[in-house]
């Protein structure tokens, strides 16, 4: 399911115009993006939690040439699935 399919499903399930559903989905996504970008943990009970993980700098290898490459430190988003979602998917 992509974003437009999610908007369509919300519009159909709640009997609201597609534009209103799009605003609702966009607002939720923006709130999650802003919180995670700010270093906060976002937890949606039963669904999962969004956090950032910090990775330090390291020296990697260019697979094409074999030369050393310095990789800078970075923060990446991480999603941990919730117990309820895990059980629903597993059956």
Protein backbone atom coordinates (compact mmCIF):
# COMPACT_ATOMS: atom_id res chain seq x y z
CA UNK A 1 0.00 0.00 0.00
CA UNK A 2 1.38 3.41 -0.93
CA UNK A 3 0.40 6.83 0.37
CA UNK A 4 -2.39 7.49 -2.15
CA UNK A 5 -3.91 4.07 -1.42
CA UNK A 6 -3.76 4.87 2.31
CA UNK A 7 -5.54 8.19 1.71
CA UNK A 8 -8.18 6.40 -0.36
CA UNK A 9 -8.70 3.78 2.38
CA UNK A 10 -9.08 6.46 5.07
CA UNK A 11 -11.54 8.41 2.91
CA UNK A 12 -13.63 5.33 2.23
CA UNK A 13 -13.58 3.97 5.79
CA UNK A 14 -14.53 7.27 7.46
CA UNK A 15 -16.79 8.55 4.61
CA UNK A 16 -14.88 11.81 4.25
CA UNK A 17 -13.76 13.60 1.09
CA UNK A 18 -10.45 12.44 -0.34
CA UNK A 19 -8.94 15.89 0.21
CA UNK A 20 -9.78 15.81 3.94
CA UNK A 21 -8.29 12.32 4.25
CA UNK A 22 -5.16 13.52 2.45
CA UNK A 23 -4.79 16.42 4.91
CA UNK A 24 -5.22 14.02 7.86
CA UNK A 25 -2.60 11.57 6.55
CA UNK A 26 -0.18 14.39 5.69
CA UNK A 27 -0.59 15.91 9.16
CA UNK A 28 0.14 12.60 10.87
CA UNK A 29 3.19 11.95 8.70
CA UNK A 30 4.51 15.50 9.22
CA UNK A 31 4.14 15.16 13.00
CA UNK A 32 6.06 11.86 12.96
CA UNK A 33 8.78 13.28 10.67
CA UNK A 34 9.24 16.38 12.81
CA UNK A 35 9.41 14.42 16.07
CA UNK A 36 11.91 11.86 14.74
CA UNK A 37 14.00 14.61 13.13
CA UNK A 38 14.06 16.37 16.50
CA UNK A 39 15.40 13.24 18.21
CA UNK A 40 12.13 12.27 19.89
CA UNK A 41 10.72 8.76 20.09
CA UNK A 42 7.26 8.31 18.54
CA UNK A 43 5.26 5.40 19.91
CA UNK A 44 1.91 4.33 18.49
CA UNK A 45 0.58 1.67 20.85
CA UNK A 46 -0.10 -1.62 19.11
CA UNK A 47 1.56 -0.45 15.88
CA UNK A 48 5.18 0.32 16.68
CA UNK A 49 7.72 3.00 17.52
CA UNK A 50 9.91 5.30 15.47
CA UNK A 51 13.32 6.34 16.76
CA UNK A 52 16.68 7.42 15.40
CA UNK A 53 19.83 5.39 15.66
CA UNK A 54 23.24 7.01 15.75
CA UNK A 55 26.09 5.44 13.81
CA UNK A 56 29.67 6.53 14.29
CA UNK A 57 32.18 7.29 11.58
CA UNK A 58 34.11 4.39 10.12
CA UNK A 59 36.44 3.52 7.27
CA UNK A 60 34.76 1.54 4.52
CA UNK A 61 35.88 0.14 1.19
CA UNK A 62 34.83 1.17 -2.28
CA UNK A 63 33.70 -2.17 -3.80
CA UNK A 64 34.65 -1.10 -7.32
CA UNK A 65 38.20 0.10 -6.66
CA UNK A 66 38.98 -1.44 -3.28
CA UNK A 67 40.23 1.89 -1.93
CA UNK A 68 39.45 3.11 1.59
CA UNK A 69 36.60 5.56 2.06
CA UNK A 70 35.85 7.57 5.20
CA UNK A 71 32.16 7.32 6.06
CA UNK A 72 30.92 10.21 8.25
CA UNK A 73 28.75 9.66 11.35
CA UNK A 74 25.02 9.61 10.67
CA UNK A 75 21.56 9.31 12.21
CA UNK A 76 19.08 6.99 10.56
CA UNK A 77 15.39 6.41 11.31
CA UNK A 78 14.50 3.07 12.86
CA UNK A 79 11.07 1.41 13.21
CA UNK A 80 10.35 -1.27 15.80
CA UNK A 81 7.13 -3.17 15.23
CA UNK A 82 4.62 -3.34 18.09
CA UNK A 83 3.39 -6.54 19.70
CA UNK A 84 -0.20 -6.19 18.45
CA UNK A 85 0.87 -5.64 14.83
CA UNK A 86 3.30 -8.55 15.08
CA UNK A 87 0.51 -10.89 16.26
CA UNK A 88 -1.97 -9.65 13.62
CA UNK A 89 0.49 -10.26 10.80
CA UNK A 90 1.57 -13.65 12.15
CA UNK A 91 -2.01 -14.86 12.36
